[in-house]
PDB file of N, CA and C in Angstrom:
ATOM      1  N   UNK A   1      75.041 222.753 177.146  1.00  0.00           N
ATOM      2  CA  UNK A   1      74.829 222.481 175.728  1.00  0.00           C
ATOM      3  C   UNK A   1      73.431 222.970 175.341  1.00  0.00           C
ATOM      4  N   UNK A   2      73.279 223.446 174.139  1.00  0.00           N
ATOM      5  CA  UNK A   2      72.001 223.930 173.634  1.00  0.00           C
ATOM      6  C   UNK A   2      71.019 222.774 173.505  1.00  0.00           C
ATOM      7  N   UNK A   3      69.771 223.099 173.232  1.00  0.00           N
ATOM      8  CA  UNK A   3      68.762 222.065 173.022  1.00  0.00           C
ATOM      9  C   UNK A   3      69.212 221.089 171.944  1.00  0.00           C
ATOM     10  N   UNK A   4      68.897 219.821 172.153  1.00  0.00           N
ATOM     11  CA  UNK A   4      69.224 218.782 171.179  1.00  0.00           C
ATOM     12  C   UNK A   4      67.917 218.284 170.582  1.00  0.00           C
ATOM     13  N   UNK A   5      67.819 218.334 169.264  1.00  0.00           N
ATOM     14  CA  UNK A   5      66.653 217.808 168.566  1.00  0.00           C
ATOM     15  C   UNK A   5      66.879 216.326 168.321  1.00  0.00           C
ATOM     16  N   UNK A   6      66.026 215.487 168.903  1.00  0.00           N
ATOM     17  CA  UNK A   6      66.141 214.040 168.736  1.00  0.00           C
ATOM     18  C   UNK A   6      65.390 213.645 167.469  1.00  0.00           C
ATOM     19  N   UNK A   7      66.140 213.318 166.428  1.00  0.00           N
ATOM     20  CA  UNK A   7      65.552 212.990 165.126  1.00  0.00           C
ATOM     21  C   UNK A   7      65.541 211.490 164.870  1.00  0.00           C
ATOM     22  N   UNK A   8      65.857 210.685 165.883  1.00  0.00           N
ATOM     23  CA  UNK A   8      65.949 209.242 165.682  1.00  0.00           C
ATOM     24  C   UNK A   8      64.616 208.588 165.368  1.00  0.00           C
ATOM     25  N   UNK A   9      63.508 209.212 165.689  1.00  0.00           N
ATOM     26  CA  UNK A   9      62.202 208.632 165.410  1.00  0.00           C
ATOM     27  C   UNK A   9      61.698 208.902 163.997  1.00  0.00           C
ATOM     28  N   UNK A  10      62.413 209.702 163.239  1.00  0.00           N
ATOM     29  CA  UNK A  10      61.999 210.035 161.874  1.00  0.00           C
ATOM     30  C   UNK A  10      62.492 208.985 160.889  1.00  0.00           C
ATOM     31  N   UNK A  11      61.705 208.778 159.856  1.00  0.00           N
ATOM     32  CA  UNK A  11      62.095 207.875 158.771  1.00  0.00           C
ATOM     33  C   UNK A  11      62.966 208.631 157.771  1.00  0.00           C
ATOM     34  N   UNK A  12      63.971 207.972 157.217  1.00  0.00           N
ATOM     35  CA  UNK A  12      64.795 208.611 156.178  1.00  0.00           C
ATOM     36  C   UNK A  12      63.929 208.999 154.980  1.00  0.00           C
ATOM     37  N   UNK A  13      64.185 210.101 154.365  1.00  0.00           N
ATOM     38  CA  UNK A  13      65.271 211.066 154.558  1.00  0.00           C
ATOM     39  C   UNK A  13      64.890 212.243 155.460  1.00  0.00           C
ATOM     40  N   UNK A  14      63.819 212.113 156.248  1.00  0.00           N
ATOM     41  CA  UNK A  14      63.312 213.240 157.039  1.00  0.00           C
ATOM     42  C   UNK A  14      64.340 213.890 157.963  1.00  0.00           C
ATOM     43  N   UNK A  15      65.214 213.139 158.653  1.00  0.00           N
ATOM     44  CA  UNK A  15      66.198 213.835 159.495  1.00  0.00           C
ATOM     45  C   UNK A  15      67.101 214.777 158.703  1.00  0.00           C
ATOM     46  N   UNK A  16      67.547 214.345 157.543  1.00  0.00           N
ATOM     47  CA  UNK A  16      68.417 215.202 156.729  1.00  0.00           C
ATOM     48  C   UNK A  16      67.644 216.407 156.206  1.00  0.00           C
ATOM     49  N   UNK A  17      66.403 216.191 155.798  1.00  0.00           N
ATOM     50  CA  UNK A  17      65.586 217.304 155.318  1.00  0.00           C
ATOM     51  C   UNK A  17      65.309 218.311 156.435  1.00  0.00           C
ATOM     52  N   UNK A  18      65.084 217.824 157.653  1.00  0.00           N
ATOM     53  CA  UNK A  18      64.881 218.701 158.811  1.00  0.00           C
ATOM     54  C   UNK A  18      66.091 219.614 158.986  1.00  0.00           C
ATOM     55  N   UNK A  19      67.282 219.037 158.934  1.00  0.00           N
ATOM     56  CA  UNK A  19      68.508 219.816 159.106  1.00  0.00           C
ATOM     57  C   UNK A  19      68.665 220.839 157.984  1.00  0.00           C
ATOM     58  N   UNK A  20      68.448 220.423 156.751  1.00  0.00           N
ATOM     59  CA  UNK A  20      68.601 221.338 155.618  1.00  0.00           C
ATOM     60  C   UNK A  20      67.572 222.464 155.654  1.00  0.00           C
ATOM     61  N   UNK A  21      66.345 222.159 156.080  1.00  0.00           N
ATOM     62  CA  UNK A  21      65.328 223.218 156.219  1.00  0.00           C
ATOM     63  C   UNK A  21      65.758 224.225 157.282  1.00  0.00           C
ATOM     64  N   UNK A  22      66.303 223.730 158.377  1.00  0.00           N
ATOM     65  CA  UNK A  22      66.777 224.640 159.432  1.00  0.00           C
ATOM     66  C   UNK A  22      67.848 225.580 158.874  1.00  0.00           C
ATOM     67  N   UNK A  23      68.771 225.016 158.134  1.00  0.00           N
ATOM     68  CA  UNK A  23      69.851 225.818 157.569  1.00  0.00           C
ATOM     69  C   UNK A  23      69.303 226.877 156.625  1.00  0.00           C
ATOM     70  N   UNK A  24      68.347 226.498 155.805  1.00  0.00           N
ATOM     71  CA  UNK A  24      67.776 227.450 154.857  1.00  0.00           C
ATOM     72  C   UNK A  24      67.043 228.584 155.574  1.00  0.00           C
ATOM     73  N   UNK A  25      66.376 228.278 156.688  1.00  0.00           N
ATOM     74  CA  UNK A  25      65.638 229.288 157.444  1.00  0.00           C
ATOM     75  C   UNK A  25      66.565 230.112 158.336  1.00  0.00           C
ATOM     76  N   UNK A  26      67.604 229.482 158.872  1.00  0.00           N
ATOM     77  CA  UNK A  26      68.488 230.156 159.830  1.00  0.00           C
ATOM     78  C   UNK A  26      69.303 231.272 159.190  1.00  0.00           C
ATOM     79  N   UNK A  27      69.470 231.226 157.897  1.00  0.00           N
ATOM     80  CA  UNK A  27      70.231 232.256 157.190  1.00  0.00           C
ATOM     81  C   UNK A  27      71.628 232.433 157.790  1.00  0.00           C
ATOM     82  N   UNK A  28      72.300 231.310 157.986  1.00  0.00           N
ATOM     83  CA  UNK A  28      73.688 231.312 158.460  1.00  0.00           C
ATOM     84  C   UNK A  28      73.883 231.969 159.822  1.00  0.00           C
ATOM     85  N   UNK A  29      72.941 231.769 160.746  1.00  0.00           N
ATOM     86  CA  UNK A  29      73.136 232.384 162.050  1.00  0.00           C
ATOM     87  C   UNK A  29      72.992 231.423 163.224  1.00  0.00           C
ATOM     88  N   UNK A  30      72.126 230.448 163.140  1.00  0.00           N
ATOM     89  CA  UNK A  30      71.826 229.610 164.288  1.00  0.00           C
ATOM     90  C   UNK A  30      72.397 228.199 164.146  1.00  0.00           C
ATOM     91  N   UNK A  31      73.237 227.805 165.101  1.00  0.00           N
ATOM     92  CA  UNK A  31      73.737 226.437 165.128  1.00  0.00           C
ATOM     93  C   UNK A  31      72.591 225.504 165.530  1.00  0.00           C
ATOM     94  N   UNK A  32      72.725 224.255 165.191  1.00  0.00           N
ATOM     95  CA  UNK A  32      71.704 223.247 165.462  1.00  0.00           C
ATOM     96  C   UNK A  32      72.400 221.998 165.970  1.00  0.00           C
ATOM     97  N   UNK A  33      71.880 221.418 167.053  1.00  0.00           N
ATOM     98  CA  UNK A  33      72.408 220.169 167.583  1.00  0.00           C
ATOM     99  C   UNK A  33      71.326 219.111 167.457  1.00  0.00           C
ATOM    100  N   UNK A  34      71.692 217.973 166.849  1.00  0.00           N
ATOM    101  CA  UNK A  34      70.716 216.908 166.578  1.00  0.00           C
ATOM    102  C   UNK A  34      71.252 215.565 167.044  1.00  0.00           C
ATOM    103  N   UNK A  35      70.314 214.669 167.379  1.00  0.00           N
ATOM    104  CA  UNK A  35      70.638 213.290 167.746  1.00  0.00           C
ATOM    105  C   UNK A  35      70.086 212.401 166.637  1.00  0.00           C
ATOM    106  N   UNK A  36      70.976 211.662 165.983  1.00  0.00           N
ATOM    107  CA  UNK A  36      70.625 210.807 164.843  1.00  0.00           C
ATOM    108  C   UNK A  36      71.052 209.370 165.142  1.00  0.00           C
ATOM    109  N   UNK A  37      70.429 208.414 164.456  1.00  0.00           N
ATOM    110  CA  UNK A  37      70.827 207.014 164.631  1.00  0.00           C
ATOM    111  C   UNK A  37      72.206 206.729 164.068  1.00  0.00           C
ATOM    112  N   UNK A  38      72.536 207.333 162.930  1.00  0.00           N
ATOM    113  CA  UNK A  38      73.789 207.020 162.241  1.00  0.00           C
ATOM    114  C   UNK A  38      74.513 208.303 161.846  1.00  0.00           C
ATOM    115  N   UNK A  39      75.780 208.143 161.567  1.00  0.00           N
ATOM    116  CA  UNK A  39      76.576 209.248 161.027  1.00  0.00           C
ATOM    117  C   UNK A  39      75.983 209.628 159.669  1.00  0.00           C
ATOM    118  N   UNK A  40      75.508 210.863 159.500  1.00  0.00           N
ATOM    119  CA  UNK A  40      74.815 211.262 158.270  1.00  0.00           C
ATOM    120  C   UNK A  40      75.769 211.652 157.141  1.00  0.00           C
ATOM    121  N   UNK A  41      76.550 210.714 156.689  1.00  0.00           N
ATOM    122  CA  UNK A  41      77.578 210.978 155.672  1.00  0.00           C
ATOM    123  C   UNK A  41      77.023 211.710 154.445  1.00  0.00           C
ATOM    124  N   UNK A  42      75.837 211.349 153.912  1.00  0.00           N
ATOM    125  CA  UNK A  42      75.325 212.077 152.736  1.00  0.00           C
ATOM    126  C   UNK A  42      75.017 213.554 153.020  1.00  0.00           C
ATOM    127  N   UNK A  43      74.869 213.902 154.275  1.00  0.00           N
ATOM    128  CA  UNK A  43      74.566 215.288 154.638  1.00  0.00           C
ATOM    129  C   UNK A  43      75.783 216.205 154.499  1.00  0.00           C
ATOM    130  N   UNK A  44      76.970 215.685 154.713  1.00  0.00           N
ATOM    131  CA  UNK A  44      78.160 216.529 154.786  1.00  0.00           C
ATOM    132  C   UNK A  44      78.432 217.340 153.521  1.00  0.00           C
ATOM    133  N   UNK A  45      78.322 216.770 152.324  1.00  0.00           N
ATOM    134  CA  UNK A  45      78.514 217.609 151.122  1.00  0.00           C
ATOM    135  C   UNK A  45      77.456 218.715 151.009  1.00  0.00           C
ATOM    136  N   UNK A  46      76.235 218.405 151.428  1.00  0.00           N
ATOM    137  CA  UNK A  46      75.163 219.416 151.385  1.00  0.00           C
ATOM    138  C   UNK A  46      75.490 220.567 152.338  1.00  0.00           C
ATOM    139  N   UNK A  47      75.986 220.238 153.523  1.00  0.00           N
ATOM    140  CA  UNK A  47      76.370 221.284 154.471  1.00  0.00           C
ATOM    141  C   UNK A  47      77.494 222.148 153.909  1.00  0.00           C
ATOM    142  N   UNK A  48      78.495 221.497 153.353  1.00  0.00           N
ATOM    143  CA  UNK A  48      79.638 222.230 152.797  1.00  0.00           C
ATOM    144  C   UNK A  48      79.199 223.165 151.675  1.00  0.00           C
ATOM    145  N   UNK A  49      78.301 222.700 150.809  1.00  0.00           N
ATOM    146  CA  UNK A  49      77.810 223.547 149.709  1.00  0.00           C
ATOM    147  C   UNK A  49      77.087 224.777 150.226  1.00  0.00           C
ATOM    148  N   UNK A  50      76.433 224.645 151.375  1.00  0.00           N
ATOM    149  CA  UNK A  50      75.681 225.758 151.944  1.00  0.00           C
ATOM    150  C   UNK A  50      76.536 226.621 152.871  1.00  0.00           C
ATOM    151  N   UNK A  51      77.818 226.271 153.030  1.00  0.00           N
ATOM    152  CA  UNK A  51      78.698 227.066 153.876  1.00  0.00           C
ATOM    153  C   UNK A  51      78.560 226.767 155.357  1.00  0.00           C
ATOM    154  N   UNK A  52      78.186 225.528 155.690  1.00  0.00           N
ATOM    155  CA  UNK A  52      78.043 225.120 157.084  1.00  0.00           C
ATOM    156  C   UNK A  52      79.083 224.059 157.415  1.00  0.00           C
ATOM    157  N   UNK A  53      79.395 223.936 158.699  1.00  0.00           N
ATOM    158  CA  UNK A  53      80.341 222.944 159.189  1.00  0.00           C
ATOM    159  C   UNK A  53      79.625 222.019 160.160  1.00  0.00           C
ATOM    160  N   UNK A  54      80.304 220.954 160.570  1.00  0.00           N
ATOM    161  CA  UNK A  54      79.713 220.016 161.509  1.00  0.00           C
ATOM    162  C   UNK A  54      80.765 219.522 162.477  1.00  0.00           C
ATOM    163  N   UNK A  55      80.263 219.091 163.627  1.00  0.00           N
ATOM    164  CA  UNK A  55      81.122 218.517 164.654  1.00  0.00           C
ATOM    165  C   UNK A  55      80.358 217.387 165.323  1.00  0.00           C
ATOM    166  N   UNK A  56      80.965 216.214 165.386  1.00  0.00           N
ATOM    167  CA  UNK A  56      80.373 215.106 166.134  1.00  0.00           C
ATOM    168  C   UNK A  56      80.687 215.342 167.600  1.00  0.00           C
ATOM    169  N   UNK A  57      79.657 215.549 168.383  1.00  0.00           N
ATOM    170  CA  UNK A  57      79.847 215.768 169.809  1.00  0.00           C
ATOM    171  C   UNK A  57      79.934 214.455 170.558  1.00  0.00           C
ATOM    172  N   UNK A  58      79.254 213.431 170.016  1.00  0.00           N
ATOM    173  CA  UNK A  58      79.269 212.114 170.646  1.00  0.00           C
ATOM    174  C   UNK A  58      78.852 211.070 169.632  1.00  0.00           C
ATOM    175  N   UNK A  59      79.504 209.929 169.676  1.00  0.00           N
ATOM    176  CA  UNK A  59      79.118 208.791 168.849  1.00  0.00           C
ATOM    177  C   UNK A  59      79.036 207.589 169.779  1.00  0.00           C
ATOM    178  N   UNK A  60      77.862 206.949 169.845  1.00  0.00           N
ATOM    179  CA  UNK A  60      77.623 205.851 170.768  1.00  0.00           C
ATOM    180  C   UNK A  60      76.618 204.889 170.152  1.00  0.00           C
ATOM    181  N   UNK A  61      76.377 203.744 170.794  1.00  0.00           N
ATOM    182  CA  UNK A  61      75.401 202.793 170.249  1.00  0.00           C
ATOM    183  C   UNK A  61      73.996 203.371 170.061  1.00  0.00           C
ATOM    184  N   UNK A  62      73.646 204.390 170.848  1.00  0.00           N
ATOM    185  CA  UNK A  62      72.309 204.985 170.699  1.00  0.00           C
ATOM    186  C   UNK A  62      72.287 206.105 169.669  1.00  0.00           C
ATOM    187  N   UNK A  63      73.365 206.266 168.925  1.00  0.00           N
ATOM    188  CA  UNK A  63      73.377 207.230 167.838  1.00  0.00           C
ATOM    189  C   UNK A  63      74.504 208.240 167.926  1.00  0.00           C
ATOM    190  N   UNK A  64      74.380 209.258 167.091  1.00  0.00           N
ATOM    191  CA  UNK A  64      75.382 210.310 166.948  1.00  0.00           C
ATOM    192  C   UNK A  64      74.737 211.635 167.344  1.00  0.00           C
ATOM    193  N   UNK A  65      75.444 212.412 168.138  1.00  0.00           N
ATOM    194  CA  UNK A  65      75.004 213.779 168.405  1.00  0.00           C
ATOM    195  C   UNK A  65      75.911 214.681 167.583  1.00  0.00           C
ATOM    196  N   UNK A  66      75.270 215.450 166.736  1.00  0.00           N
ATOM    197  CA  UNK A  66      75.974 216.257 165.746  1.00  0.00           C
ATOM    198  C   UNK A  66      75.558 217.707 165.907  1.00  0.00           C
ATOM    199  N   UNK A  67      76.537 218.598 165.851  1.00  0.00           N
ATOM    200  CA  UNK A  67      76.225 220.023 165.839  1.00  0.00           C
ATOM    201  C   UNK A  67      76.620 220.583 164.487  1.00  0.00           C
ATOM    202  N   UNK A  68      75.697 221.277 163.844  1.00  0.00           N
ATOM    203  CA  UNK A  68      75.984 221.962 162.589  1.00  0.00           C
ATOM    204  C   UNK A  68      75.928 223.452 162.849  1.00  0.00           C
ATOM    205  N   UNK A  69      76.853 224.170 162.238  1.00  0.00           N
ATOM    206  CA  UNK A  69      76.920 225.614 162.475  1.00  0.00           C
ATOM    207  C   UNK A  69      77.465 226.301 161.221  1.00  0.00           C
ATOM    208  N   UNK A  70      77.207 227.596 161.108  1.00  0.00           N
ATOM    209  CA  UNK A  70      77.716 228.329 159.958  1.00  0.00           C
ATOM    210  C   UNK A  70      79.234 228.286 159.905  1.00  0.00           C
ATOM    211  N   UNK A  71      79.785 228.283 158.706  1.00  0.00           N
ATOM    212  CA  UNK A  71      81.247 228.328 158.549  1.00  0.00           C
ATOM    213  C   UNK A  71      81.763 229.576 159.252  1.00  0.00           C
ATOM    214  N   UNK A  72      82.919 229.441 159.860  1.00  0.00           N
ATOM    215  CA  UNK A  72      83.473 230.549 160.627  1.00  0.00           C
ATOM    216  C   UNK A  72      83.178 230.391 162.101  1.00  0.00           C
ATOM    217  N   UNK A  73      82.156 229.575 162.426  1.00  0.00           N
ATOM    218  CA  UNK A  73      81.874 229.251 163.820  1.00  0.00           C
ATOM    219  C   UNK A  73      82.620 227.967 164.147  1.00  0.00           C
ATOM    220  N   UNK A  74      82.284 227.368 165.278  1.00  0.00           N
ATOM    221  CA  UNK A  74      82.933 226.114 165.643  1.00  0.00           C
ATOM    222  C   UNK A  74      82.347 224.985 164.813  1.00  0.00           C
ATOM    223  N   UNK A  75      83.157 224.021 164.476  1.00  0.00           N
ATOM    224  CA  UNK A  75      82.713 222.882 163.702  1.00  0.00           C
ATOM    225  C   UNK A  75      83.859 222.338 162.882  1.00  0.00           C
ATOM    226  N   UNK A  76      83.601 221.278 162.191  1.00  0.00           N
ATOM    227  CA  UNK A  76      84.663 220.628 161.436  1.00  0.00           C
ATOM    228  C   UNK A  76      84.081 220.093 160.139  1.00  0.00           C
ATOM    229  N   UNK A  77      84.819 220.274 159.058  1.00  0.00           N
ATOM    230  CA  UNK A  77      84.415 219.692 157.792  1.00  0.00           C
ATOM    231  C   UNK A  77      85.397 218.634 157.389  1.00  0.00           C
TER     232      UNK A  77
END
């Protein structure tokens, strides 16, 4: 698995902003895997608007591991 960015130490809304900044810089090329405390439901419409998908790789008491990737790659909306 690729590097996982652990965003659990950030205060809201910083984890979501981190992900959105990555997407804006990646220019639809680089997938991102993150570890968050909770399922980031408010993030999903933002990802869809930008043409990105998501996949929950793991959901556990210590948080959610989520991979976001450009549409057309692996992921789920």
